[in-house]
Amino acid sequence: FASSLGIGVRHDRKEKLMYDIQAKKAFPISPSASLTLDTKGKWTFDKDFIE
C-alpha cells in the first residue's frame, strides 16, 4: 500500500487563513501490484473551520 498526506496553510489578501489537507492512497488490484486503484481527496477550511 502507498499513501501520502499533505497539510498546508495559506494566507490570502483579505487577511484570511486557509487550511488545506490533501491525501492519496493506492490499493493494489492485481497480485503483482501492476494494477492499482488510486484515490485522492482534498479539503479546504478557513480559520473558523468552515468547509
Protein backbone atom coordinates (compact mmCIF):
# COMPACT_ATOMS: atom_id res chain seq x y z
CA PHE A 1 0.00 0.00 0.00
CA ALA A 2 1.17 3.52 -0.80
CA SER A 3 -0.23 6.62 0.85
CA SER A 4 0.60 10.27 1.43
CA LEU A 5 -0.80 13.14 3.45
CA GLY A 6 -0.15 16.85 2.97
CA ILE A 7 -1.17 19.68 5.30
CA GLY A 8 -0.73 23.35 4.46
CA VAL A 9 -1.67 26.88 5.49
CA ARG A 10 -2.38 29.73 3.06
CA HIS A 11 -2.87 33.45 3.64
CA ASP A 12 -4.96 35.49 1.19
CA ARG A 13 -5.29 39.23 0.54
CA LYS A 14 -8.29 39.56 2.84
CA GLU A 15 -6.15 38.65 5.88
CA LYS A 16 -7.77 35.23 5.98
CA LEU A 17 -6.03 31.97 6.87
CA MET A 18 -6.97 28.89 4.88
CA TYR A 19 -6.00 25.32 5.80
CA ASP A 20 -5.55 22.58 3.19
CA ILE A 21 -5.44 18.84 3.75
CA GLN A 22 -4.64 16.50 0.85
CA ALA A 23 -4.49 12.72 0.93
CA LYS A 24 -3.70 9.98 -1.57
CA LYS A 25 -3.97 6.21 -1.20
CA ALA A 26 -3.18 3.45 -3.69
CA PHE A 27 -4.71 -0.03 -3.38
CA PRO A 28 -3.26 -2.92 -5.42
CA ILE A 29 -5.87 -4.72 -7.50
CA SER A 30 -3.72 -7.39 -9.17
CA PRO A 31 -1.47 -9.79 -7.24
CA SER A 32 1.67 -8.35 -8.84
CA ALA A 33 0.54 -4.77 -7.97
CA SER A 34 0.85 -3.79 -11.64
CA LEU A 35 -2.75 -2.55 -11.47
CA THR A 36 -3.75 -0.20 -8.65
CA LEU A 37 -6.79 1.81 -7.63
CA ASP A 38 -5.72 5.36 -6.71
CA THR A 39 -7.94 7.53 -4.51
CA LYS A 40 -7.39 11.22 -3.82
CA GLY A 41 -9.06 13.76 -1.55
CA LYS A 42 -8.66 17.45 -0.77
CA TRP A 43 -10.32 19.54 1.94
CA THR A 44 -10.02 23.30 2.42
CA PHE A 45 -11.09 25.10 5.61
CA ASP A 46 -10.94 28.73 6.70
CA LYS A 47 -9.79 29.91 10.15
CA ASP A 48 -13.25 29.17 11.59
CA PHE A 49 -13.01 25.61 10.20
CA ILE A 50 -15.87 26.20 7.75
CA GLU A 51 -15.55 23.96 4.72
